[in-house]
Protein backbone atom coordinates (compact mmCIF):
# COMPACT_ATOMS: atom_id res chain seq x y z
CA MET A 1 -12.24 199.73 100.91
CA ALA A 2 -8.72 199.88 102.15
CA ARG A 3 -7.48 196.67 103.62
CA LYS A 4 -6.21 196.78 106.95
CA VAL A 5 -2.50 195.93 107.86
CA ALA A 6 -0.74 194.27 110.72
CA LYS A 7 0.19 196.57 113.52
CA ILE A 8 3.82 196.33 114.78
CA ILE A 9 3.81 196.00 118.64
CA SER A 10 7.44 195.67 118.92
CA THR A 11 10.68 195.28 116.88
CA GLU A 12 14.08 193.39 117.74
CA THR A 13 16.97 193.70 115.63
CA LEU A 14 18.73 190.20 115.40
CA PHE A 15 21.48 191.08 112.96
CA SER A 16 22.60 194.11 111.21
CA GLY A 17 25.25 193.81 108.59
CA ARG A 18 26.82 195.53 105.68
CA VAL A 19 24.11 194.24 103.07
CA PHE A 20 21.06 193.36 105.00
CA GLY A 21 19.42 192.99 108.43
CA VAL A 22 17.38 190.65 110.28
CA ARG A 23 14.75 191.58 112.74
CA ARG A 24 11.79 190.11 114.54
CA ASP A 25 8.49 191.91 114.60
CA GLU A 26 5.65 191.23 117.26
CA VAL A 27 2.23 192.21 115.45
CA VAL A 28 -1.33 192.07 115.79
CA GLU A 29 -2.90 190.95 112.57
CA PRO A 30 -6.28 192.70 111.32
CA ASP A 31 -8.22 189.94 112.85
CA GLY A 32 -6.71 190.50 116.31
CA LEU A 33 -4.55 187.59 116.13
CA ARG A 34 -0.89 188.23 117.57
CA ALA A 35 1.93 186.65 115.57
CA THR A 36 5.69 186.85 115.30
CA ARG A 37 7.30 187.89 111.81
CA GLU A 38 11.01 187.48 111.21
CA LEU A 39 12.22 189.41 108.05
CA VAL A 40 15.35 190.47 106.42
CA THR A 41 15.68 194.11 105.79
CA HIS A 42 17.36 195.31 102.61
CA SER A 43 18.06 198.96 101.20
CA GLY A 44 16.88 197.76 97.73
CA SER A 45 18.23 196.87 94.43
CA VAL A 46 18.49 197.69 90.93
CA VAL A 47 18.60 195.65 87.68
CA VAL A 48 19.63 196.74 84.33
CA LEU A 49 18.85 195.39 80.92
CA PRO A 50 21.40 197.04 78.63
CA VAL A 51 19.90 196.98 74.92
CA PHE A 52 22.11 197.51 71.83
CA PRO A 53 20.66 199.08 68.76
CA ASN A 54 20.38 195.90 66.99
CA GLY A 55 18.24 194.42 69.82
CA ASP A 56 21.14 192.48 71.19
CA VAL A 57 21.05 192.51 75.15
CA LEU A 58 24.19 192.35 77.64
CA MET A 59 24.24 189.99 80.32
CA VAL A 60 27.07 189.09 83.05
CA ARG A 61 28.37 185.81 84.29
CA GLN A 62 29.48 185.71 87.92
CA TYR A 63 29.72 183.23 90.83
CA ARG A 64 27.04 183.56 93.24
CA HIS A 65 27.97 181.94 96.53
CA SER A 66 24.44 181.25 97.87
CA ALA A 67 23.49 179.55 94.55
CA GLU A 68 27.04 177.69 94.43
CA GLN A 69 27.41 178.14 90.87
CA TYR A 70 27.99 180.73 88.03
CA LEU A 71 24.99 182.42 86.76
CA TRP A 72 24.00 184.35 83.83
CA GLU A 73 22.46 187.63 85.07
CA LEU A 74 21.20 191.02 83.95
CA VAL A 75 23.43 193.77 85.51
CA ALA A 76 22.44 194.39 89.06
CA GLY A 77 23.18 195.69 92.56
CA ARG A 78 22.47 197.05 95.94
CA LYS A 79 20.92 200.51 96.24
CA GLU A 80 22.74 202.52 98.61
CA ALA A 81 20.84 204.45 101.43
CA GLY A 82 19.43 207.70 100.19
CA GLU A 83 20.29 206.89 96.32
CA SER A 84 17.74 206.93 93.85
CA PRO A 85 16.96 203.83 91.74
CA LEU A 86 17.92 205.68 88.68
CA ALA A 87 21.34 206.72 90.01
CA ALA A 88 21.86 203.24 91.35
CA ALA A 89 21.22 201.86 88.07
CA LYS A 90 23.46 204.14 86.28
CA ARG A 91 26.40 203.28 88.78
CA GLU A 92 25.96 199.52 88.48
CA LEU A 93 25.93 199.36 84.68
CA LEU A 94 29.23 201.27 84.70
CA GLU A 95 30.74 199.25 87.23
CA GLU A 96 29.78 196.09 85.99
CA THR A 97 30.12 196.45 82.31
CA GLY A 98 31.81 199.90 81.74
CA TYR A 99 28.78 200.87 79.59
CA ALA A 100 26.84 204.08 80.06
CA ALA A 101 23.36 204.68 78.57
CA ARG A 102 21.67 207.62 77.06
CA ARG A 103 18.09 206.26 77.79
CA TYR A 104 16.63 204.39 80.90
CA THR A 105 13.34 202.96 80.85
CA GLN A 106 11.89 201.75 84.37
CA MET A 107 10.32 198.31 83.19
CA LEU A 108 9.23 196.81 86.87
CA ASN A 109 9.25 197.76 90.52
CA VAL A 110 8.95 194.31 92.43
CA PHE A 111 9.25 192.63 95.74
CA PRO A 112 11.67 189.67 94.73
CA THR A 113 10.77 187.65 97.88
CA PRO A 114 7.88 189.32 99.73
CA GLY A 115 7.33 186.49 102.22
CA PHE A 116 10.21 187.37 104.33
CA VAL A 117 12.58 189.94 102.68
CA ARG A 118 11.75 193.78 102.69
CA GLU A 119 13.44 194.44 99.34
CA ARG A 120 12.02 196.50 96.65
CA MET A 121 13.61 195.85 93.25
CA TRP A 122 13.60 198.32 90.33
CA ILE A 123 14.38 196.91 86.79
CA PHE A 124 15.43 199.11 83.93
CA ALA A 125 16.07 199.00 80.34
CA ALA A 126 19.11 200.97 79.26
CA GLU A 127 19.59 201.92 75.54
CA GLY A 128 21.84 204.32 73.57
CA LEU A 129 24.80 202.58 75.18
CA VAL A 130 28.17 204.18 75.28
CA GLU A 131 31.20 201.90 75.91
CA GLY A 132 33.76 202.50 78.73
CA LYS A 133 35.86 200.68 81.16
CA ALA A 134 34.33 198.50 83.86
CA ARG A 135 35.02 199.10 87.49
CA PRO A 136 33.77 196.12 89.57
CA GLU A 137 33.93 196.07 93.17
CA ASP A 138 37.22 193.97 94.56
CA ASP A 139 35.27 190.83 95.11
CA GLU A 140 33.46 190.79 91.99
CA HIS A 141 34.64 189.04 89.15
CA ILE A 142 32.29 189.49 86.15
CA THR A 143 32.30 188.48 82.53
CA ALA A 144 30.12 190.35 80.32
CA ARG A 145 28.65 188.95 77.00
CA ARG A 146 26.47 190.41 74.37
CA PHE A 147 23.66 187.96 73.26
CA PRO A 148 20.95 188.18 70.53
CA LEU A 149 17.47 188.67 72.59
CA LYS A 150 16.24 185.44 70.80
CA LEU A 151 19.21 183.40 72.20
CA ALA A 152 18.63 184.98 75.55
CA LEU A 153 14.92 184.02 75.63
CA ALA A 154 15.81 180.57 74.45
CA MET A 155 18.15 180.23 77.26
CA ILE A 156 15.24 180.68 79.61
CA GLY A 157 13.14 178.42 77.91
CA ARG A 158 15.82 175.49 78.16
CA GLY A 159 16.50 176.31 81.83
CA ALA A 160 20.04 177.84 81.20
CA ILE A 161 19.07 180.95 83.14
CA HIS A 162 18.20 180.55 86.86
CA ASP A 163 18.19 183.97 88.18
CA ALA A 164 14.56 185.11 88.58
CA LYS A 165 15.23 188.88 88.09
CA THR A 166 16.92 188.09 84.76
CA VAL A 167 13.76 185.99 83.79
CA ALA A 168 11.64 188.86 84.79
CA GLY A 169 13.55 191.48 83.12
CA LEU A 170 14.15 189.74 79.68
CA LEU A 171 10.28 188.52 79.43
CA TYR A 172 8.87 191.94 80.31
CA TYR A 173 11.16 193.76 77.66
CA ALA A 174 10.52 191.20 75.03
CA ARG A 175 6.68 191.31 75.60
CA PHE A 176 6.25 195.02 76.15
CA LEU A 177 9.26 197.09 75.16
CA ARG A 178 10.90 195.49 72.11
CA ARG A 179 10.83 197.41 69.05
CA LYS A 180 9.85 195.00 66.55
């Protein structure tokens, strides 16, 4: 039996920015309860785990203002409206690292913060890497570094990687896709 979902009675846009929006919905829950739901709207994002032939992985380090620190992360970025997740993954990999890839495998399709953010995130592994020149956006200051997968996993274990999408991507790859 299909579960019923809340019915939206009204929607009010509270903020509309370049990266995200904020809205307030008045809803009627399946049990008849009226409720107010505030949520962040987002066009979606992609994450890319570049994998070298020997199994090493590429991560990027950049300052994240909301975290107030530099973080080791997988390549990631916002999916433009109308852009496919795969096209966005290819674009972000090239922009942030200069690499292109011959093969992309979608690993995960997740909602990173489903309690109040309407964002879907697609996580890819990229293999058959071809080196090129990075083209970061003007406000991106990114350092890319190659890590043995074992070291990247150890960094998770000791708390050196604080980014959830990176933890998810690395652990998924290590558990389900890694060629042993």
